[in-house]
Amino acid sequence: MSKLRSSTILFILLVILACTKDKANGPEDDNTKDSPMDSIMVKLCDSLMPNYNDDIALIINTSCAKSNCHNSVSAKDGRVMETYNQVKAEAQTPKFICSIKHEPSCDNMPRLAPKLSTESIKKIECWVENDFPEN
């Protein structure tokens, strides 16, 4: 019964979010509407404000910019991720988030290693959503 109640509440929440329109933006065409999950991510990112120096660099340095991956010596697939500007440039590519989330249409990253933690992925998503703050 509890699972049914939780599922019903989640469904109603998603329907409400899907039907809600941001009045401040005025009329929207069908190509600019956000999905309910985008709204949830924006709300999460309102409270989670990671920056590169304090949060993202540690994740990237321990999971990506290491020997035989994306450091300046190895540069797998021509990608180096050792500096803020390099990581920002990679994070702006369409496949970056898809890869770290291990979505089916992308190559899983980190390759040959466990998926990043949910917390790390959320930090990276919010860093991107918040326009890549450095400090």
N, C-alpha and C. Protein backbone atom coordinates (compact mmCIF):
# COMPACT_ATOMS: atom_id res chain seq x y z
N MET A 1 0.82 -1.20 0.00
CA MET A 1 0.00 0.00 0.00
C MET A 1 0.87 1.26 0.00
N SER A 2 1.99 1.20 0.75
CA SER A 2 2.88 2.34 0.84
C SER A 2 3.52 2.64 -0.51
N LYS A 3 3.90 1.60 -1.27
CA LYS A 3 4.48 1.79 -2.59
C LYS A 3 3.47 2.42 -3.53
N LEU A 4 2.23 1.98 -3.45
CA LEU A 4 1.18 2.54 -4.29
C LEU A 4 0.97 4.02 -3.97
N ARG A 5 0.93 4.35 -2.70
CA ARG A 5 0.74 5.74 -2.28
C ARG A 5 1.91 6.59 -2.75
N SER A 6 3.14 6.11 -2.58
CA SER A 6 4.33 6.85 -3.02
C SER A 6 4.32 7.04 -4.53
N SER A 7 3.97 5.99 -5.25
CA SER A 7 3.92 6.08 -6.71
C SER A 7 2.86 7.08 -7.16
N THR A 8 1.71 7.07 -6.50
CA THR A 8 0.63 7.99 -6.85
C THR A 8 1.05 9.43 -6.59
N ILE A 9 1.68 9.68 -5.46
CA ILE A 9 2.13 11.03 -5.13
C ILE A 9 3.17 11.49 -6.13
N LEU A 10 4.13 10.64 -6.49
CA LEU A 10 5.15 10.99 -7.47
C LEU A 10 4.51 11.29 -8.82
N PHE A 11 3.55 10.48 -9.23
CA PHE A 11 2.87 10.71 -10.51
C PHE A 11 2.15 12.06 -10.51
N ILE A 12 1.44 12.36 -9.44
CA ILE A 12 0.71 13.63 -9.35
C ILE A 12 1.69 14.80 -9.38
N LEU A 13 2.81 14.67 -8.67
CA LEU A 13 3.83 15.72 -8.66
C LEU A 13 4.37 15.95 -10.07
N LEU A 14 4.67 14.90 -10.78
CA LEU A 14 5.18 15.03 -12.14
C LEU A 14 4.15 15.65 -13.08
N VAL A 15 2.87 15.29 -12.92
CA VAL A 15 1.81 15.88 -13.74
C VAL A 15 1.70 17.38 -13.45
N ILE A 16 1.75 17.74 -12.18
CA ILE A 16 1.67 19.15 -11.81
C ILE A 16 2.85 19.91 -12.38
N LEU A 17 4.05 19.35 -12.23
CA LEU A 17 5.23 20.02 -12.77
C LEU A 17 5.16 20.13 -14.29
N ALA A 18 4.63 19.12 -14.93
CA ALA A 18 4.54 19.14 -16.39
C ALA A 18 3.54 20.20 -16.87
N CYS A 19 2.54 20.46 -16.07
CA CYS A 19 1.50 21.40 -16.47
C CYS A 19 1.79 22.82 -16.01
N THR A 20 2.77 23.00 -15.17
CA THR A 20 3.10 24.32 -14.65
C THR A 20 3.91 25.07 -15.68
N LYS A 21 3.61 26.33 -15.84
CA LYS A 21 4.31 27.18 -16.79
C LYS A 21 4.90 28.35 -16.04
N ASP A 22 6.11 28.73 -16.36
CA ASP A 22 6.73 29.88 -15.74
C ASP A 22 6.12 31.14 -16.34
N LYS A 23 5.32 31.85 -15.58
CA LYS A 23 4.60 33.02 -16.08
C LYS A 23 5.55 34.15 -16.45
N ALA A 24 6.72 34.21 -15.82
CA ALA A 24 7.64 35.31 -16.07
C ALA A 24 8.23 35.26 -17.47
N ASN A 25 8.32 34.09 -18.06
CA ASN A 25 8.93 33.96 -19.38
C ASN A 25 7.96 34.25 -20.51
N GLY A 26 6.70 34.38 -20.24
CA GLY A 26 5.72 34.65 -21.28
C GLY A 26 5.42 33.40 -22.09
N PRO A 27 4.82 33.55 -23.26
CA PRO A 27 4.45 32.40 -24.07
C PRO A 27 5.68 31.63 -24.53
N GLU A 28 5.52 30.32 -24.60
CA GLU A 28 6.60 29.45 -25.04
C GLU A 28 6.13 28.65 -26.24
N ASP A 29 7.07 28.35 -27.13
CA ASP A 29 6.71 27.40 -28.17
C ASP A 29 7.08 26.00 -27.69
N ASP A 30 6.64 24.98 -28.39
CA ASP A 30 6.83 23.60 -27.96
C ASP A 30 8.29 23.20 -27.86
N ASN A 31 9.20 23.87 -28.55
CA ASN A 31 10.60 23.48 -28.55
C ASN A 31 11.37 24.00 -27.34
N THR A 32 10.81 24.87 -26.55
CA THR A 32 11.54 25.44 -25.42
C THR A 32 11.00 25.00 -24.07
N LYS A 33 10.02 24.14 -24.04
CA LYS A 33 9.44 23.69 -22.77
C LYS A 33 10.39 22.74 -22.08
N ASP A 34 10.53 22.91 -20.76
CA ASP A 34 11.35 22.02 -19.96
C ASP A 34 10.53 20.81 -19.55
N SER A 35 11.21 19.69 -19.40
CA SER A 35 10.53 18.50 -18.90
C SER A 35 10.39 18.62 -17.38
N PRO A 36 9.53 17.82 -16.76
CA PRO A 36 9.40 17.85 -15.30
C PRO A 36 10.73 17.54 -14.61
N MET A 37 11.53 16.67 -15.20
CA MET A 37 12.81 16.33 -14.59
C MET A 37 13.76 17.53 -14.64
N ASP A 38 13.68 18.36 -15.68
CA ASP A 38 14.50 19.57 -15.74
C ASP A 38 14.12 20.49 -14.59
N SER A 39 12.85 20.61 -14.29
CA SER A 39 12.39 21.45 -13.19
C SER A 39 12.92 20.94 -11.86
N ILE A 40 12.92 19.64 -11.69
CA ILE A 40 13.44 19.05 -10.45
C ILE A 40 14.92 19.34 -10.34
N MET A 41 15.68 19.20 -11.45
CA MET A 41 17.11 19.46 -11.42
C MET A 41 17.39 20.93 -11.10
N VAL A 42 16.61 21.84 -11.67
CA VAL A 42 16.80 23.26 -11.38
C VAL A 42 16.58 23.51 -9.90
N LYS A 43 15.56 22.92 -9.32
CA LYS A 43 15.31 23.10 -7.89
C LYS A 43 16.44 22.53 -7.06
N LEU A 44 16.96 21.38 -7.45
CA LEU A 44 18.09 20.79 -6.74
C LEU A 44 19.29 21.74 -6.83
N CYS A 45 19.53 22.28 -8.02
CA CYS A 45 20.68 23.14 -8.24
C CYS A 45 20.53 24.51 -7.60
N ASP A 46 19.31 24.88 -7.22
CA ASP A 46 19.13 26.12 -6.47
C ASP A 46 19.76 25.99 -5.09
N SER A 47 19.78 24.78 -4.55
CA SER A 47 20.33 24.58 -3.21
C SER A 47 21.73 23.98 -3.23
N LEU A 48 22.15 23.43 -4.35
CA LEU A 48 23.47 22.82 -4.48
C LEU A 48 24.29 23.68 -5.43
N MET A 49 25.29 24.38 -4.89
CA MET A 49 26.06 25.34 -5.69
C MET A 49 27.55 24.96 -5.71
N PRO A 50 27.90 23.87 -6.35
CA PRO A 50 29.31 23.48 -6.39
C PRO A 50 30.12 24.41 -7.29
N ASN A 51 31.40 24.55 -6.99
CA ASN A 51 32.28 25.29 -7.88
C ASN A 51 33.47 24.40 -8.23
N TYR A 52 34.21 24.80 -9.23
CA TYR A 52 35.29 23.96 -9.74
C TYR A 52 36.37 23.73 -8.67
N ASN A 53 36.86 24.79 -8.07
CA ASN A 53 37.99 24.66 -7.15
C ASN A 53 37.67 23.83 -5.91
N ASP A 54 36.48 23.98 -5.36
CA ASP A 54 36.14 23.29 -4.11
C ASP A 54 35.51 21.91 -4.31
N ASP A 55 34.89 21.67 -5.44
CA ASP A 55 34.10 20.45 -5.61
C ASP A 55 34.47 19.63 -6.85
N ILE A 56 34.47 20.26 -7.99
CA ILE A 56 34.58 19.53 -9.26
C ILE A 56 36.01 19.05 -9.52
N ALA A 57 37.01 19.88 -9.21
CA ALA A 57 38.40 19.50 -9.48
C ALA A 57 38.76 18.18 -8.81
N LEU A 58 38.36 17.98 -7.58
CA LEU A 58 38.67 16.74 -6.87
C LEU A 58 38.05 15.53 -7.57
N ILE A 59 36.81 15.65 -7.99
CA ILE A 59 36.14 14.54 -8.69
C ILE A 59 36.87 14.24 -10.00
N ILE A 60 37.16 15.26 -10.77
CA ILE A 60 37.81 15.08 -12.07
C ILE A 60 39.23 14.55 -11.89
N ASN A 61 39.99 15.10 -10.95
CA ASN A 61 41.37 14.67 -10.75
C ASN A 61 41.48 13.23 -10.29
N THR A 62 40.52 12.76 -9.51
CA THR A 62 40.60 11.38 -9.02
C THR A 62 39.93 10.38 -9.96
N SER A 63 39.09 10.85 -10.86
CA SER A 63 38.35 9.93 -11.72
C SER A 63 38.66 10.05 -13.20
N CYS A 64 39.19 11.19 -13.63
CA CYS A 64 39.34 11.43 -15.08
C CYS A 64 40.77 11.82 -15.47
N ALA A 65 41.32 12.83 -14.81
CA ALA A 65 42.63 13.37 -15.20
C ALA A 65 43.74 12.59 -14.51
N LYS A 66 43.82 11.32 -14.83
CA LYS A 66 44.83 10.47 -14.22
C LYS A 66 45.54 9.67 -15.30
N SER A 67 46.59 8.99 -14.91
CA SER A 67 47.40 8.22 -15.84
C SER A 67 46.53 7.25 -16.64
N ASN A 68 46.77 7.21 -17.91
CA ASN A 68 46.07 6.32 -18.84
C ASN A 68 44.63 6.77 -19.14
N CYS A 69 44.31 7.99 -18.76
CA CYS A 69 42.97 8.52 -19.06
C CYS A 69 43.09 9.90 -19.68
N HIS A 70 42.64 10.92 -18.96
CA HIS A 70 42.57 12.27 -19.53
C HIS A 70 43.56 13.25 -18.90
N ASN A 71 44.78 12.77 -18.57
CA ASN A 71 45.82 13.71 -18.16
C ASN A 71 46.61 14.13 -19.40
N SER A 72 47.54 15.06 -19.24
CA SER A 72 48.26 15.58 -20.41
C SER A 72 49.18 14.55 -21.04
N VAL A 73 49.60 13.53 -20.30
CA VAL A 73 50.47 12.49 -20.86
C VAL A 73 49.65 11.50 -21.70
N SER A 74 48.54 11.06 -21.19
CA SER A 74 47.73 10.05 -21.88
C SER A 74 46.79 10.65 -22.92
N ALA A 75 46.08 11.68 -22.54
CA ALA A 75 45.14 12.38 -23.42
C ALA A 75 44.28 11.43 -24.25
N LYS A 76 43.59 10.52 -23.58
CA LYS A 76 42.70 9.58 -24.28
C LYS A 76 41.71 10.33 -25.15
N ASP A 77 41.55 9.87 -26.36
CA ASP A 77 40.63 10.48 -27.33
C ASP A 77 40.92 11.97 -27.55
N GLY A 78 42.17 12.39 -27.27
CA GLY A 78 42.55 13.79 -27.45
C GLY A 78 42.00 14.72 -26.38
N ARG A 79 41.48 14.16 -25.31
CA ARG A 79 40.87 14.98 -24.26
C ARG A 79 41.79 15.05 -23.03
N VAL A 80 42.13 16.27 -22.64
CA VAL A 80 42.90 16.51 -21.43
C VAL A 80 41.99 17.27 -20.48
N MET A 81 41.96 16.82 -19.22
CA MET A 81 41.05 17.45 -18.25
C MET A 81 41.81 17.76 -16.96
N GLU A 82 42.80 18.63 -17.09
CA GLU A 82 43.63 18.97 -15.93
C GLU A 82 43.40 20.39 -15.41
N THR A 83 42.79 21.24 -16.19
CA THR A 83 42.57 22.63 -15.77
C THR A 83 41.08 22.96 -15.83
N TYR A 84 40.73 24.06 -15.19
CA TYR A 84 39.35 24.52 -15.22
C TYR A 84 38.85 24.67 -16.65
N ASN A 85 39.61 25.37 -17.50
CA ASN A 85 39.16 25.62 -18.87
C ASN A 85 39.01 24.33 -19.67
N GLN A 86 39.89 23.37 -19.47
CA GLN A 86 39.79 22.09 -20.17
C GLN A 86 38.54 21.32 -19.73
N VAL A 87 38.30 21.29 -18.42
CA VAL A 87 37.14 20.56 -17.90
C VAL A 87 35.85 21.26 -18.33
N LYS A 88 35.83 22.57 -18.27
CA LYS A 88 34.65 23.33 -18.70
C LYS A 88 34.34 23.04 -20.17
N ALA A 89 35.38 23.04 -21.01
CA ALA A 89 35.17 22.77 -22.44
C ALA A 89 34.59 21.37 -22.65
N GLU A 90 35.06 20.39 -21.92
CA GLU A 90 34.52 19.03 -22.05
C GLU A 90 33.08 18.97 -21.53
N ALA A 91 32.83 19.66 -20.41
CA ALA A 91 31.49 19.64 -19.80
C ALA A 91 30.45 20.30 -20.69
N GLN A 92 30.88 21.14 -21.62
CA GLN A 92 29.96 21.79 -22.53
C GLN A 92 29.60 20.92 -23.73
N THR A 93 30.25 19.78 -23.88
CA THR A 93 29.93 18.89 -24.99
C THR A 93 28.68 18.08 -24.68
N PRO A 94 27.91 17.72 -25.68
CA PRO A 94 26.64 17.01 -25.46
C PRO A 94 26.78 15.66 -24.76
N LYS A 95 27.90 14.98 -24.92
CA LYS A 95 28.03 13.63 -24.38
C LYS A 95 28.60 13.58 -22.97
N PHE A 96 29.04 14.70 -22.42
CA PHE A 96 29.72 14.68 -21.13
C PHE A 96 28.84 14.12 -20.00
N ILE A 97 27.71 14.75 -19.76
CA ILE A 97 26.81 14.30 -18.68
C ILE A 97 26.29 12.90 -18.99
N CYS A 98 25.95 12.66 -20.22
CA CYS A 98 25.47 11.35 -20.66
C CYS A 98 26.49 10.26 -20.32
N SER A 99 27.76 10.55 -20.53
CA SER A 99 28.83 9.56 -20.28
C SER A 99 29.01 9.28 -18.80
N ILE A 100 29.01 10.32 -17.97
CA ILE A 100 29.24 10.08 -16.54
C ILE A 100 28.01 9.44 -15.88
N LYS A 101 26.84 9.60 -16.51
CA LYS A 101 25.64 8.97 -15.97
C LYS A 101 25.45 7.54 -16.49
N HIS A 102 26.35 7.11 -17.39
CA HIS A 102 26.30 5.77 -18.00
C HIS A 102 24.99 5.53 -18.73
N GLU A 103 24.55 6.55 -19.48
CA GLU A 103 23.34 6.40 -20.27
C GLU A 103 23.65 5.56 -21.50
N PRO A 104 22.67 4.80 -22.00
CA PRO A 104 22.90 3.83 -23.07
C PRO A 104 23.48 4.40 -24.36
N SER A 105 23.20 5.64 -24.69
CA SER A 105 23.66 6.20 -25.97
C SER A 105 25.08 6.77 -25.90
N CYS A 106 25.76 6.61 -24.77
CA CYS A 106 27.10 7.19 -24.60
C CYS A 106 28.09 6.15 -24.10
N ASP A 107 29.37 6.45 -24.30
CA ASP A 107 30.43 5.63 -23.71
C ASP A 107 30.48 5.92 -22.23
N ASN A 108 30.53 4.87 -21.42
CA ASN A 108 30.56 5.05 -19.98
C ASN A 108 31.90 5.62 -19.52
N MET A 109 31.83 6.64 -18.69
CA MET A 109 33.01 7.25 -18.09
C MET A 109 32.80 7.33 -16.58
N PRO A 110 33.81 7.09 -15.79
CA PRO A 110 35.13 6.67 -16.22
C PRO A 110 35.11 5.27 -16.83
N ARG A 111 35.93 5.09 -17.83
CA ARG A 111 36.01 3.82 -18.54
C ARG A 111 36.75 2.80 -17.66
N LEU A 112 36.27 1.59 -17.64
CA LEU A 112 36.88 0.50 -16.89
C LEU A 112 37.01 0.81 -15.40
N ALA A 113 36.08 1.56 -14.89
CA ALA A 113 36.04 1.91 -13.47
C ALA A 113 34.59 2.04 -13.05
N PRO A 114 34.33 1.99 -11.75
CA PRO A 114 32.94 2.14 -11.30
C PRO A 114 32.38 3.51 -11.68
N LYS A 115 31.09 3.55 -11.84
CA LYS A 115 30.36 4.80 -12.10
C LYS A 115 30.60 5.75 -10.94
N LEU A 116 30.65 7.04 -11.24
CA LEU A 116 30.77 8.04 -10.19
C LEU A 116 29.58 7.92 -9.23
N SER A 117 29.77 8.37 -8.01
CA SER A 117 28.67 8.33 -7.04
C SER A 117 27.55 9.26 -7.49
N THR A 118 26.37 8.98 -7.03
CA THR A 118 25.21 9.84 -7.33
C THR A 118 25.49 11.27 -6.88
N GLU A 119 26.11 11.42 -5.73
CA GLU A 119 26.44 12.76 -5.21
C GLU A 119 27.40 13.48 -6.15
N SER A 120 28.42 12.79 -6.64
CA SER A 120 29.38 13.42 -7.56
C SER A 120 28.71 13.82 -8.86
N ILE A 121 27.86 12.96 -9.38
CA ILE A 121 27.15 13.26 -10.63
C ILE A 121 26.25 14.48 -10.43
N LYS A 122 25.54 14.56 -9.32
CA LYS A 122 24.68 15.71 -9.05
C LYS A 122 25.49 16.99 -8.93
N LYS A 123 26.66 16.90 -8.29
CA LYS A 123 27.52 18.09 -8.20
C LYS A 123 27.93 18.56 -9.59
N ILE A 124 28.33 17.63 -10.43
CA ILE A 124 28.76 18.00 -11.78
C ILE A 124 27.58 18.56 -12.57
N GLU A 125 26.42 17.93 -12.48
CA GLU A 125 25.23 18.44 -13.19
C GLU A 125 24.89 19.86 -12.74
N CYS A 126 24.95 20.10 -11.44
CA CYS A 126 24.63 21.43 -10.93
C CYS A 126 25.71 22.44 -11.29
N TRP A 127 26.96 22.01 -11.32
CA TRP A 127 28.04 22.89 -11.76
C TRP A 127 27.79 23.36 -13.19
N VAL A 128 27.38 22.42 -14.04
CA VAL A 128 27.04 22.76 -15.43
C VAL A 128 25.81 23.66 -15.47
N GLU A 129 24.76 23.27 -14.75
CA GLU A 129 23.50 24.03 -14.73
C GLU A 129 23.72 25.46 -14.23
N ASN A 130 24.65 25.63 -13.28
CA ASN A 130 24.93 26.95 -12.70
C ASN A 130 25.99 27.72 -13.47
N ASP A 131 26.28 27.29 -14.69
CA ASP A 131 27.19 28.00 -15.60
C ASP A 131 28.65 27.94 -15.17
N PHE A 132 29.09 26.80 -14.67
CA PHE A 132 30.51 26.48 -14.45
C PHE A 132 31.25 27.44 -13.52
N PRO A 133 30.75 27.73 -12.31
CA PRO A 133 31.50 28.63 -11.44
C PRO A 133 32.89 28.05 -11.08
N GLU A 134 33.90 28.91 -11.11
CA GLU A 134 35.27 28.45 -10.82
C GLU A 134 35.58 28.49 -9.34
N ASN A 135 35.18 29.57 -8.67
CA ASN A 135 35.48 29.73 -7.23
C ASN A 135 34.21 29.75 -6.42
